[in-house]
């Protein structure tokens, strides 16, 4: 069984800056991916990501239209 890192254990360590390059190697993200894989939640995770991306895309589209009207 894999070790899940508790956020309290990392409290003494300096916080690292999150970038696109190190996003997937973050301990919390790795644990999240492992949880999805171990519990067979790929379909549900995909549906949630589609929903979130569609909401972000609509918000960005609305901002562009508002900016061009000014």
N, C-alpha and C. Protein backbone atom coordinates (compact mmCIF):
# COMPACT_ATOMS: atom_id res chain seq x y z
N UNK A 1 0.85 -1.17 0.00
CA UNK A 1 0.00 0.00 0.00
C UNK A 1 0.89 1.24 0.00
N UNK A 2 0.49 2.24 -0.70
CA UNK A 2 1.29 3.45 -0.83
C UNK A 2 1.13 4.33 0.40
N UNK A 3 2.15 5.12 0.66
CA UNK A 3 2.12 6.04 1.79
C UNK A 3 1.46 7.33 1.36
N UNK A 4 0.46 7.75 2.09
CA UNK A 4 -0.21 9.02 1.82
C UNK A 4 0.44 10.08 2.71
N UNK A 5 0.90 11.15 2.10
CA UNK A 5 1.59 12.21 2.82
C UNK A 5 0.56 13.11 3.48
N UNK A 6 0.72 13.29 4.76
CA UNK A 6 -0.15 14.18 5.51
C UNK A 6 0.39 15.61 5.36
N UNK A 7 -0.48 16.57 5.18
CA UNK A 7 -0.05 17.95 5.02
C UNK A 7 0.68 18.46 6.25
N UNK A 8 0.35 17.92 7.44
CA UNK A 8 1.02 18.35 8.66
C UNK A 8 2.48 17.92 8.67
N UNK A 9 2.82 16.81 8.00
CA UNK A 9 4.21 16.36 7.93
C UNK A 9 5.06 17.33 7.12
N UNK A 10 4.46 17.98 6.14
CA UNK A 10 5.17 18.90 5.27
C UNK A 10 5.23 20.31 5.85
N UNK A 11 4.64 20.53 7.02
CA UNK A 11 4.54 21.87 7.58
C UNK A 11 5.92 22.48 7.85
N UNK A 12 6.90 21.68 8.21
CA UNK A 12 8.22 22.19 8.50
C UNK A 12 9.04 22.50 7.26
N UNK A 13 8.62 22.03 6.10
CA UNK A 13 9.36 22.24 4.87
C UNK A 13 8.91 23.54 4.20
N UNK A 14 9.84 24.21 3.50
CA UNK A 14 9.44 25.43 2.78
C UNK A 14 8.47 25.08 1.64
N UNK A 15 7.53 25.96 1.40
CA UNK A 15 6.56 25.71 0.34
C UNK A 15 7.23 25.92 -1.01
N UNK A 16 6.92 25.03 -1.94
CA UNK A 16 7.49 25.16 -3.27
C UNK A 16 6.50 25.84 -4.20
N UNK A 17 7.01 26.53 -5.17
CA UNK A 17 6.17 27.25 -6.11
C UNK A 17 5.59 26.26 -7.12
N UNK A 18 4.29 26.32 -7.33
CA UNK A 18 3.63 25.41 -8.25
C UNK A 18 3.74 25.95 -9.67
N UNK A 19 4.34 25.16 -10.53
CA UNK A 19 4.44 25.51 -11.94
C UNK A 19 3.83 24.39 -12.76
N UNK A 20 3.68 24.63 -14.04
CA UNK A 20 3.13 23.60 -14.92
C UNK A 20 4.05 22.38 -14.95
N UNK A 21 5.35 22.60 -14.90
CA UNK A 21 6.30 21.49 -14.99
C UNK A 21 6.26 20.58 -13.77
N UNK A 22 6.04 21.12 -12.58
CA UNK A 22 6.06 20.27 -11.40
C UNK A 22 4.66 19.99 -10.84
N UNK A 23 3.62 20.30 -11.58
CA UNK A 23 2.25 20.10 -11.11
C UNK A 23 1.97 18.63 -10.84
N UNK A 24 2.30 17.77 -11.79
CA UNK A 24 1.98 16.35 -11.63
C UNK A 24 2.87 15.63 -10.63
N UNK A 25 3.99 16.20 -10.28
CA UNK A 25 4.87 15.56 -9.31
C UNK A 25 4.59 16.01 -7.89
N UNK A 26 3.65 16.92 -7.71
CA UNK A 26 3.24 17.35 -6.39
C UNK A 26 2.64 16.14 -5.66
N UNK A 27 2.97 15.96 -4.39
CA UNK A 27 2.51 14.81 -3.62
C UNK A 27 0.99 14.71 -3.54
N UNK A 28 0.32 15.83 -3.37
CA UNK A 28 -1.14 15.82 -3.27
C UNK A 28 -1.77 15.38 -4.59
N UNK A 29 -1.23 15.84 -5.70
CA UNK A 29 -1.76 15.48 -7.01
C UNK A 29 -1.52 14.01 -7.30
N UNK A 30 -0.32 13.52 -6.95
CA UNK A 30 -0.02 12.10 -7.14
C UNK A 30 -0.97 11.23 -6.34
N UNK A 31 -1.25 11.62 -5.10
CA UNK A 31 -2.18 10.86 -4.28
C UNK A 31 -3.59 10.90 -4.86
N UNK A 32 -3.97 12.03 -5.41
CA UNK A 32 -5.29 12.13 -6.04
C UNK A 32 -5.40 11.21 -7.25
N UNK A 33 -4.38 11.22 -8.11
CA UNK A 33 -4.37 10.31 -9.27
C UNK A 33 -4.42 8.86 -8.83
N UNK A 34 -3.66 8.52 -7.78
CA UNK A 34 -3.63 7.15 -7.28
C UNK A 34 -5.00 6.74 -6.74
N UNK A 35 -5.67 7.65 -6.04
CA UNK A 35 -7.00 7.39 -5.50
C UNK A 35 -7.99 7.09 -6.62
N UNK A 36 -7.95 7.90 -7.68
CA UNK A 36 -8.84 7.70 -8.82
C UNK A 36 -8.58 6.34 -9.46
N UNK A 37 -7.32 6.01 -9.65
CA UNK A 37 -6.97 4.74 -10.29
C UNK A 37 -7.37 3.54 -9.41
N UNK A 38 -7.05 3.60 -8.13
CA UNK A 38 -7.32 2.47 -7.24
C UNK A 38 -8.80 2.20 -7.06
N UNK A 39 -9.63 3.24 -7.15
CA UNK A 39 -11.06 3.08 -6.91
C UNK A 39 -11.89 3.03 -8.18
N UNK A 40 -11.24 2.98 -9.34
CA UNK A 40 -11.97 2.87 -10.61
C UNK A 40 -12.86 4.07 -10.90
N UNK A 41 -12.37 5.25 -10.66
CA UNK A 41 -13.18 6.46 -10.83
C UNK A 41 -12.78 7.27 -12.05
N UNK A 42 -12.18 6.63 -13.04
CA UNK A 42 -11.71 7.37 -14.22
C UNK A 42 -12.86 8.03 -14.97
N UNK A 43 -13.95 7.33 -15.15
CA UNK A 43 -15.09 7.89 -15.89
C UNK A 43 -15.66 9.10 -15.16
N UNK A 44 -15.84 8.98 -13.85
CA UNK A 44 -16.39 10.08 -13.08
C UNK A 44 -15.44 11.28 -13.07
N UNK A 45 -14.14 11.02 -12.95
CA UNK A 45 -13.16 12.10 -12.95
C UNK A 45 -13.16 12.81 -14.30
N UNK A 46 -13.29 12.05 -15.38
CA UNK A 46 -13.34 12.64 -16.72
C UNK A 46 -14.56 13.54 -16.86
N UNK A 47 -15.70 13.08 -16.35
CA UNK A 47 -16.92 13.87 -16.43
C UNK A 47 -16.78 15.18 -15.64
N UNK A 48 -16.16 15.10 -14.47
CA UNK A 48 -15.95 16.30 -13.67
C UNK A 48 -15.01 17.29 -14.36
N UNK A 49 -13.96 16.78 -14.98
CA UNK A 49 -13.02 17.64 -15.69
C UNK A 49 -13.69 18.31 -16.89
N UNK A 50 -14.51 17.57 -17.63
CA UNK A 50 -15.24 18.17 -18.75
C UNK A 50 -16.14 19.31 -18.26
N UNK A 51 -16.83 19.08 -17.16
CA UNK A 51 -17.72 20.09 -16.61
C UNK A 51 -16.94 21.34 -16.20
N UNK A 52 -15.83 21.14 -15.50
CA UNK A 52 -15.03 22.27 -15.04
C UNK A 52 -14.45 23.05 -16.21
N UNK A 53 -13.95 22.36 -17.21
CA UNK A 53 -13.37 23.02 -18.38
C UNK A 53 -14.44 23.80 -19.14
N UNK A 54 -15.64 23.25 -19.25
CA UNK A 54 -16.70 23.97 -19.96
C UNK A 54 -17.08 25.25 -19.22
N UNK A 55 -17.10 25.21 -17.89
CA UNK A 55 -17.42 26.41 -17.11
C UNK A 55 -16.33 27.47 -17.26
N UNK A 56 -15.08 27.06 -17.25
CA UNK A 56 -13.97 28.00 -17.40
C UNK A 56 -13.99 28.60 -18.81
N UNK A 57 -14.27 27.78 -19.81
CA UNK A 57 -14.31 28.27 -21.18
C UNK A 57 -15.43 29.30 -21.36
N UNK A 58 -16.59 29.05 -20.76
CA UNK A 58 -17.69 30.01 -20.85
C UNK A 58 -17.34 31.33 -20.17
N UNK A 59 -16.67 31.24 -19.02
CA UNK A 59 -16.29 32.45 -18.29
C UNK A 59 -15.28 33.26 -19.09
N UNK A 60 -14.32 32.59 -19.71
CA UNK A 60 -13.33 33.29 -20.53
C UNK A 60 -13.97 33.92 -21.75
N UNK A 61 -14.91 33.22 -22.37
CA UNK A 61 -15.58 33.75 -23.54
C UNK A 61 -16.38 35.00 -23.17
N UNK A 62 -17.03 34.99 -22.02
CA UNK A 62 -17.78 36.15 -21.55
C UNK A 62 -16.89 37.35 -21.29
N UNK A 63 -15.69 37.11 -20.76
CA UNK A 63 -14.76 38.21 -20.49
C UNK A 63 -14.27 38.83 -21.78
N UNK A 64 -14.01 38.00 -22.78
CA UNK A 64 -13.53 38.54 -24.07
C UNK A 64 -14.57 39.42 -24.72
N UNK A 65 -15.84 38.99 -24.70
CA UNK A 65 -16.90 39.79 -25.30
C UNK A 65 -17.07 41.11 -24.56
N UNK A 66 -17.00 41.09 -23.26
CA UNK A 66 -17.16 42.30 -22.47
C UNK A 66 -15.99 43.26 -22.75
N UNK A 67 -14.80 42.74 -22.92
CA UNK A 67 -13.63 43.59 -23.16
C UNK A 67 -13.70 44.24 -24.53
N UNK A 68 -14.23 43.55 -25.53
CA UNK A 68 -14.29 44.11 -26.87
C UNK A 68 -15.39 45.16 -27.01
N UNK A 69 -16.41 45.12 -26.15
CA UNK A 69 -17.48 46.08 -26.23
C UNK A 69 -17.11 47.43 -25.66
N UNK A 70 -16.09 47.51 -24.82
CA UNK A 70 -15.72 48.76 -24.17
C UNK A 70 -15.04 49.68 -25.06
